[in-house]
PDB file of N, CA and C in Angstrom:
ATOM      1  N   MET A   1     -12.010   9.315 -20.423  1.00  0.00           N
ATOM      2  CA  MET A   1     -11.406  10.000 -19.312  1.00  0.00           C
ATOM      3  C   MET A   1     -11.978   9.526 -17.987  1.00  0.00           C
ATOM      4  N   GLY A   2     -13.103   8.893 -18.009  1.00  0.00           N
ATOM      5  CA  GLY A   2     -13.710   8.417 -16.783  1.00  0.00           C
ATOM      6  C   GLY A   2     -12.879   7.353 -16.098  1.00  0.00           C
ATOM      7  N   PHE A   3     -12.232   6.490 -16.892  1.00  0.00           N
ATOM      8  CA  PHE A   3     -11.427   5.411 -16.327  1.00  0.00           C
ATOM      9  C   PHE A   3     -10.225   5.970 -15.578  1.00  0.00           C
ATOM     10  N   THR A   4      -9.499   6.891 -16.196  1.00  0.00           N
ATOM     11  CA  THR A   4      -8.326   7.448 -15.520  1.00  0.00           C
ATOM     12  C   THR A   4      -8.731   8.319 -14.332  1.00  0.00           C
ATOM     13  N   ALA A   5      -9.870   8.987 -14.440  1.00  0.00           N
ATOM     14  CA  ALA A   5     -10.344   9.780 -13.297  1.00  0.00           C
ATOM     15  C   ALA A   5     -10.664   8.866 -12.125  1.00  0.00           C
ATOM     16  N   PHE A   6     -11.279   7.719 -12.402  1.00  0.00           N
ATOM     17  CA  PHE A   6     -11.588   6.766 -11.338  1.00  0.00           C
ATOM     18  C   PHE A   6     -10.314   6.174 -10.751  1.00  0.00           C
ATOM     19  N   MET A   7      -9.384   5.749 -11.610  1.00  0.00           N
ATOM     20  CA  MET A   7      -8.168   5.101 -11.130  1.00  0.00           C
ATOM     21  C   MET A   7      -7.267   6.050 -10.345  1.00  0.00           C
ATOM     22  N   SER A   8      -7.322   7.339 -10.631  1.00  0.00           N
ATOM     23  CA  SER A   8      -6.487   8.283  -9.894  1.00  0.00           C
ATOM     24  C   SER A   8      -7.201   8.848  -8.666  1.00  0.00           C
ATOM     25  N   SER A   9      -8.473   8.506  -8.492  1.00  0.00           N
ATOM     26  CA  SER A   9      -9.201   8.977  -7.313  1.00  0.00           C
ATOM     27  C   SER A   9      -8.805   8.160  -6.090  1.00  0.00           C
ATOM     28  N   THR A  10      -9.193   8.633  -4.934  1.00  0.00           N
ATOM     29  CA  THR A  10      -8.891   7.918  -3.693  1.00  0.00           C
ATOM     30  C   THR A  10      -9.548   6.545  -3.678  1.00  0.00           C
ATOM     31  N   PHE A  11     -10.786   6.474  -4.150  1.00  0.00           N
ATOM     32  CA  PHE A  11     -11.470   5.181  -4.182  1.00  0.00           C
ATOM     33  C   PHE A  11     -10.777   4.223  -5.145  1.00  0.00           C
ATOM     34  N   GLY A  12     -10.318   4.717  -6.274  1.00  0.00           N
ATOM     35  CA  GLY A  12      -9.598   3.887  -7.237  1.00  0.00           C
ATOM     36  C   GLY A  12      -8.291   3.368  -6.674  1.00  0.00           C
ATOM     37  N   ARG A  13      -7.593   4.215  -5.928  1.00  0.00           N
ATOM     38  CA  ARG A  13      -6.348   3.780  -5.292  1.00  0.00           C
ATOM     39  C   ARG A  13      -6.623   2.669  -4.297  1.00  0.00           C
ATOM     40  N   TRP A  14      -7.648   2.846  -3.456  1.00  0.00           N
ATOM     41  CA  TRP A  14      -7.977   1.816  -2.470  1.00  0.00           C
ATOM     42  C   TRP A  14      -8.471   0.540  -3.144  1.00  0.00           C
ATOM     43  N   ALA A  15      -9.169   0.685  -4.244  1.00  0.00           N
ATOM     44  CA  ALA A  15      -9.632  -0.500  -4.975  1.00  0.00           C
ATOM     45  C   ALA A  15      -8.448  -1.305  -5.488  1.00  0.00           C
ATOM     46  N   ARG A  16      -7.425  -0.627  -6.021  1.00  0.00           N
ATOM     47  CA  ARG A  16      -6.228  -1.343  -6.489  1.00  0.00           C
ATOM     48  C   ARG A  16      -5.511  -2.031  -5.337  1.00  0.00           C
ATOM     49  N   ILE A  17      -5.442  -1.370  -4.193  1.00  0.00           N
ATOM     50  CA  ILE A  17      -4.767  -1.969  -3.040  1.00  0.00           C
ATOM     51  C   ILE A  17      -5.525  -3.199  -2.553  1.00  0.00           C
ATOM     52  N   VAL A  18      -6.841  -3.099  -2.450  1.00  0.00           N
ATOM     53  CA  VAL A  18      -7.649  -4.229  -1.969  1.00  0.00           C
ATOM     54  C   VAL A  18      -7.607  -5.387  -2.954  1.00  0.00           C
ATOM     55  N   VAL A  19      -7.751  -5.104  -4.235  1.00  0.00           N
ATOM     56  CA  VAL A  19      -7.690  -6.170  -5.245  1.00  0.00           C
ATOM     57  C   VAL A  19      -6.308  -6.820  -5.234  1.00  0.00           C
ATOM     58  N   GLY A  20      -5.262  -6.022  -5.084  1.00  0.00           N
ATOM     59  CA  GLY A  20      -3.915  -6.570  -5.003  1.00  0.00           C
ATOM     60  C   GLY A  20      -3.723  -7.461  -3.792  1.00  0.00           C
ATOM     61  N   LEU A  21      -4.267  -7.048  -2.647  1.00  0.00           N
ATOM     62  CA  LEU A  21      -4.169  -7.873  -1.445  1.00  0.00           C
ATOM     63  C   LEU A  21      -4.906  -9.199  -1.610  1.00  0.00           C
ATOM     64  N   VAL A  22      -6.111  -9.137  -2.147  1.00  0.00           N
ATOM     65  CA  VAL A  22      -6.897 -10.364  -2.355  1.00  0.00           C
ATOM     66  C   VAL A  22      -6.175 -11.282  -3.328  1.00  0.00           C
ATOM     67  N   LEU A  23      -5.648 -10.719  -4.408  1.00  0.00           N
ATOM     68  CA  LEU A  23      -4.946 -11.527  -5.403  1.00  0.00           C
ATOM     69  C   LEU A  23      -3.681 -12.147  -4.829  1.00  0.00           C
ATOM     70  N   ALA A  24      -2.917 -11.381  -4.069  1.00  0.00           N
ATOM     71  CA  ALA A  24      -1.678 -11.903  -3.490  1.00  0.00           C
ATOM     72  C   ALA A  24      -1.953 -12.991  -2.456  1.00  0.00           C
ATOM     73  N   ILE A  25      -2.958 -12.792  -1.625  1.00  0.00           N
ATOM     74  CA  ILE A  25      -3.285 -13.798  -0.615  1.00  0.00           C
ATOM     75  C   ILE A  25      -3.829 -15.067  -1.266  1.00  0.00           C
ATOM     76  N   ALA A  26      -4.703 -14.910  -2.249  1.00  0.00           N
ATOM     77  CA  ALA A  26      -5.249 -16.085  -2.934  1.00  0.00           C
ATOM     78  C   ALA A  26      -4.158 -16.827  -3.701  1.00  0.00           C
ATOM     79  N   ALA A  27      -3.193 -16.094  -4.260  1.00  0.00           N
ATOM     80  CA  ALA A  27      -2.133 -16.718  -5.041  1.00  0.00           C
ATOM     81  C   ALA A  27      -1.250 -17.621  -4.193  1.00  0.00           C
ATOM     82  N   LEU A  28      -1.194 -17.379  -2.905  1.00  0.00           N
ATOM     83  CA  LEU A  28      -0.376 -18.226  -2.036  1.00  0.00           C
ATOM     84  C   LEU A  28      -0.899 -19.657  -1.965  1.00  0.00           C
ATOM     85  N   THR A  29      -2.168 -19.844  -2.293  1.00  0.00           N
ATOM     86  CA  THR A  29      -2.747 -21.191  -2.252  1.00  0.00           C
ATOM     87  C   THR A  29      -2.802 -21.849  -3.625  1.00  0.00           C
ATOM     88  N   TRP A  30      -2.356 -21.184  -4.683  1.00  0.00           N
ATOM     89  CA  TRP A  30      -2.504 -21.697  -6.048  1.00  0.00           C
ATOM     90  C   TRP A  30      -1.303 -22.460  -6.580  1.00  0.00           C
ATOM     91  N   GLY A  31      -0.317 -22.721  -5.767  1.00  0.00           N
ATOM     92  CA  GLY A  31       0.832 -23.484  -6.213  1.00  0.00           C
ATOM     93  C   GLY A  31       1.774 -22.655  -7.081  1.00  0.00           C
ATOM     94  N   PRO A  32       2.485 -23.301  -8.001  1.00  0.00           N
ATOM     95  CA  PRO A  32       3.497 -22.601  -8.802  1.00  0.00           C
ATOM     96  C   PRO A  32       2.934 -21.475  -9.679  1.00  0.00           C
ATOM     97  N   ILE A  33       1.759 -21.660 -10.257  1.00  0.00           N
ATOM     98  CA  ILE A  33       1.178 -20.609 -11.088  1.00  0.00           C
ATOM     99  C   ILE A  33       0.784 -19.401 -10.244  1.00  0.00           C
ATOM    100  N   GLY A  34       0.610 -19.605  -8.974  1.00  0.00           N
ATOM    101  CA  GLY A  34       0.252 -18.519  -8.079  1.00  0.00           C
ATOM    102  C   GLY A  34       1.346 -17.471  -7.942  1.00  0.00           C
ATOM    103  N   ALA A  35       2.585 -17.830  -8.243  1.00  0.00           N
ATOM    104  CA  ALA A  35       3.691 -16.871  -8.148  1.00  0.00           C
ATOM    105  C   ALA A  35       3.485 -15.703  -9.096  1.00  0.00           C
ATOM    106  N   VAL A  36       2.984 -15.977 -10.287  1.00  0.00           N
ATOM    107  CA  VAL A  36       2.723 -14.909 -11.258  1.00  0.00           C
ATOM    108  C   VAL A  36       1.654 -13.973 -10.718  1.00  0.00           C
ATOM    109  N   PHE A  37       0.572 -14.525 -10.206  1.00  0.00           N
ATOM    110  CA  PHE A  37      -0.514 -13.715  -9.675  1.00  0.00           C
ATOM    111  C   PHE A  37      -0.104 -12.991  -8.394  1.00  0.00           C
ATOM    112  N   PHE A  38       0.798 -13.604  -7.634  1.00  0.00           N
ATOM    113  CA  PHE A  38       1.306 -12.953  -6.435  1.00  0.00           C
ATOM    114  C   PHE A  38       2.045 -11.669  -6.802  1.00  0.00           C
ATOM    115  N   PHE A  39       2.899 -11.734  -7.812  1.00  0.00           N
ATOM    116  CA  PHE A  39       3.645 -10.551  -8.224  1.00  0.00           C
ATOM    117  C   PHE A  39       2.744  -9.504  -8.875  1.00  0.00           C
ATOM    118  N   ILE A  40       1.702  -9.915  -9.552  1.00  0.00           N
ATOM    119  CA  ILE A  40       0.721  -8.963 -10.081  1.00  0.00           C
ATOM    120  C   ILE A  40       0.011  -8.260  -8.924  1.00  0.00           C
ATOM    121  N   GLY A  41      -0.337  -9.018  -7.892  1.00  0.00           N
ATOM    122  CA  GLY A  41      -0.965  -8.434  -6.709  1.00  0.00           C
ATOM    123  C   GLY A  41      -0.053  -7.441  -6.009  1.00  0.00           C
ATOM    124  N   ILE A  42       1.224  -7.794  -5.876  1.00  0.00           N
ATOM    125  CA  ILE A  42       2.190  -6.888  -5.254  1.00  0.00           C
ATOM    126  C   ILE A  42       2.342  -5.622  -6.090  1.00  0.00           C
ATOM    127  N   PHE A  43       2.335  -5.759  -7.419  1.00  0.00           N
ATOM    128  CA  PHE A  43       2.408  -4.597  -8.303  1.00  0.00           C
ATOM    129  C   PHE A  43       1.206  -3.681  -8.103  1.00  0.00           C
ATOM    130  N   LEU A  44       0.010  -4.258  -8.011  1.00  0.00           N
ATOM    131  CA  LEU A  44      -1.187  -3.444  -7.805  1.00  0.00           C
ATOM    132  C   LEU A  44      -1.153  -2.731  -6.453  1.00  0.00           C
ATOM    133  N   ILE A  45      -0.678  -3.417  -5.432  1.00  0.00           N
ATOM    134  CA  ILE A  45      -0.564  -2.797  -4.110  1.00  0.00           C
ATOM    135  C   ILE A  45       0.410  -1.625  -4.155  1.00  0.00           C
ATOM    136  N   SER A  46       1.561  -1.838  -4.773  1.00  0.00           N
ATOM    137  CA  SER A  46       2.560  -0.766  -4.806  1.00  0.00           C
ATOM    138  C   SER A  46       2.111   0.402  -5.676  1.00  0.00           C
ATOM    139  N   ALA A  47       1.415   0.128  -6.775  1.00  0.00           N
ATOM    140  CA  ALA A  47       0.918   1.217  -7.626  1.00  0.00           C
ATOM    141  C   ALA A  47      -0.155   2.016  -6.904  1.00  0.00           C
ATOM    142  N   GLY A  48      -1.025   1.351  -6.177  1.00  0.00           N
ATOM    143  CA  GLY A  48      -2.058   2.057  -5.427  1.00  0.00           C
ATOM    144  C   GLY A  48      -1.484   2.846  -4.265  1.00  0.00           C
ATOM    145  N   ALA A  49      -0.528   2.272  -3.568  1.00  0.00           N
ATOM    146  CA  ALA A  49       0.055   2.944  -2.409  1.00  0.00           C
ATOM    147  C   ALA A  49       0.912   4.141  -2.809  1.00  0.00           C
ATOM    148  N   SER A  50       1.528   4.079  -3.981  1.00  0.00           N
ATOM    149  CA  SER A  50       2.385   5.187  -4.414  1.00  0.00           C
ATOM    150  C   SER A  50       1.638   6.212  -5.258  1.00  0.00           C
ATOM    151  N   ASP A  51       0.321   6.042  -5.417  1.00  0.00           N
ATOM    152  CA  ASP A  51      -0.510   6.969  -6.188  1.00  0.00           C
ATOM    153  C   ASP A  51      -0.016   7.074  -7.630  1.00  0.00           C
ATOM    154  N   THR A  52       0.210   5.918  -8.256  1.00  0.00           N
ATOM    155  CA  THR A  52       0.671   5.853  -9.632  1.00  0.00           C
ATOM    156  C   THR A  52      -0.383   5.156 -10.467  1.00  0.00           C
ATOM    157  N   CYS A  53      -0.715   5.747 -11.608  1.00  0.00           N
ATOM    158  CA  CYS A  53      -1.670   5.134 -12.529  1.00  0.00           C
ATOM    159  C   CYS A  53      -0.943   4.812 -13.825  1.00  0.00           C
ATOM    160  N   MET A  54      -0.778   3.535 -14.118  1.00  0.00           N
ATOM    161  CA  MET A  54      -0.023   3.118 -15.293  1.00  0.00           C
ATOM    162  C   MET A  54      -0.765   3.354 -16.605  1.00  0.00           C
ATOM    163  N   PHE A  55      -2.084   3.460 -16.561  1.00  0.00           N
ATOM    164  CA  PHE A  55      -2.863   3.657 -17.773  1.00  0.00           C
ATOM    165  C   PHE A  55      -3.035   5.128 -18.146  1.00  0.00           C
ATOM    166  N   ALA A  56      -2.735   6.038 -17.239  1.00  0.00           N
ATOM    167  CA  ALA A  56      -2.962   7.458 -17.482  1.00  0.00           C
ATOM    168  C   ALA A  56      -2.198   8.000 -18.691  1.00  0.00           C
ATOM    169  N   PRO A  57      -0.928   7.621 -18.921  1.00  0.00           N
ATOM    170  CA  PRO A  57      -0.234   8.150 -20.103  1.00  0.00           C
ATOM    171  C   PRO A  57      -0.891   7.747 -21.432  1.00  0.00           C
ATOM    172  N   LEU A  58      -1.613   6.640 -21.437  1.00  0.00           N
ATOM    173  CA  LEU A  58      -2.320   6.242 -22.655  1.00  0.00           C
ATOM    174  C   LEU A  58      -3.425   7.218 -23.010  1.00  0.00           C
ATOM    175  N   PHE A  59      -3.890   7.967 -22.007  1.00  0.00           N
ATOM    176  CA  PHE A  59      -4.961   8.934 -22.194  1.00  0.00           C
ATOM    177  C   PHE A  59      -4.454  10.368 -22.088  1.00  0.00           C
ATOM    178  N   GLY A  60      -3.141  10.569 -22.187  1.00  0.00           N
ATOM    179  CA  GLY A  60      -2.563  11.898 -22.184  1.00  0.00           C
ATOM    180  C   GLY A  60      -2.414  12.534 -20.820  1.00  0.00           C
ATOM    181  N   ARG A  61      -2.342  11.736 -19.781  1.00  0.00           N
ATOM    182  CA  ARG A  61      -2.167  12.257 -18.417  1.00  0.00           C
ATOM    183  C   ARG A  61      -0.865  11.723 -17.853  1.00  0.00           C
ATOM    184  N   GLY A  62      -0.434  12.265 -16.709  1.00  0.00           N
ATOM    185  CA  GLY A  62       0.815  11.857 -16.096  1.00  0.00           C
ATOM    186  C   GLY A  62       0.680  10.591 -15.265  1.00  0.00           C
ATOM    187  N   PHE A  63       1.824   9.956 -14.977  1.00  0.00           N
ATOM    188  CA  PHE A  63       1.839   8.758 -14.132  1.00  0.00           C
ATOM    189  C   PHE A  63       1.353   9.043 -12.730  1.00  0.00           C
ATOM    190  N   ASN A  64       1.747  10.183 -12.187  1.00  0.00           N
ATOM    191  CA  ASN A  64       1.420  10.530 -10.815  1.00  0.00           C
ATOM    192  C   ASN A  64      -0.061  10.846 -10.696  1.00  0.00           C
ATOM    193  N   GLY A  65      -0.705  10.316  -9.684  1.00  0.00           N
ATOM    194  CA  GLY A  65      -2.138  10.518  -9.493  1.00  0.00           C
ATOM    195  C   GLY A  65      -2.521  11.964  -9.275  1.00  0.00           C
ATOM    196  N   SER A  66      -1.666  12.714  -8.584  1.00  0.00           N
ATOM    197  CA  SER A  66      -1.984  14.125  -8.358  1.00  0.00           C
ATOM    198  C   SER A  66      -1.939  14.913  -9.671  1.00  0.00           C
ATOM    199  N   GLU A  67      -1.071  14.507 -10.597  1.00  0.00           N
ATOM    200  CA  GLU A  67      -1.047  15.147 -11.920  1.00  0.00           C
ATOM    201  C   GLU A  67      -2.284  14.798 -12.718  1.00  0.00           C
ATOM    202  N   SER A  68      -2.756  13.576 -12.583  1.00  0.00           N
ATOM    203  CA  SER A  68      -3.949  13.134 -13.336  1.00  0.00           C
ATOM    204  C   SER A  68      -5.212  13.804 -12.838  1.00  0.00           C
ATOM    205  N   ARG A  69      -5.231  14.185 -11.559  1.00  0.00           N
ATOM    206  CA  ARG A  69      -6.428  14.801 -11.001  1.00  0.00           C
ATOM    207  C   ARG A  69      -6.577  16.271 -11.351  1.00  0.00           C
ATOM    208  N   ARG A  70      -5.540  16.882 -11.898  1.00  0.00           N
ATOM    209  CA  ARG A  70      -5.615  18.314 -12.260  1.00  0.00           C
ATOM    210  C   ARG A  70      -6.423  18.539 -13.486  1.00  0.00           C
TER     211      ARG A  70
END
């Protein structure tokens, strides 16, 4: 439960956004294979910004971060 608690916390959300930004920016310099990493970075940014945790249902919690924090 520690992982989902961290990922649904404010710090976890910001961590996903920052990692997504770094990955997306770095992927722009990696050529054709960078496109895959760019879209992964965009996914992480959007999941963090929308307060969505994709791993939470695996641990019996909801997708929405506010539901996971209850």
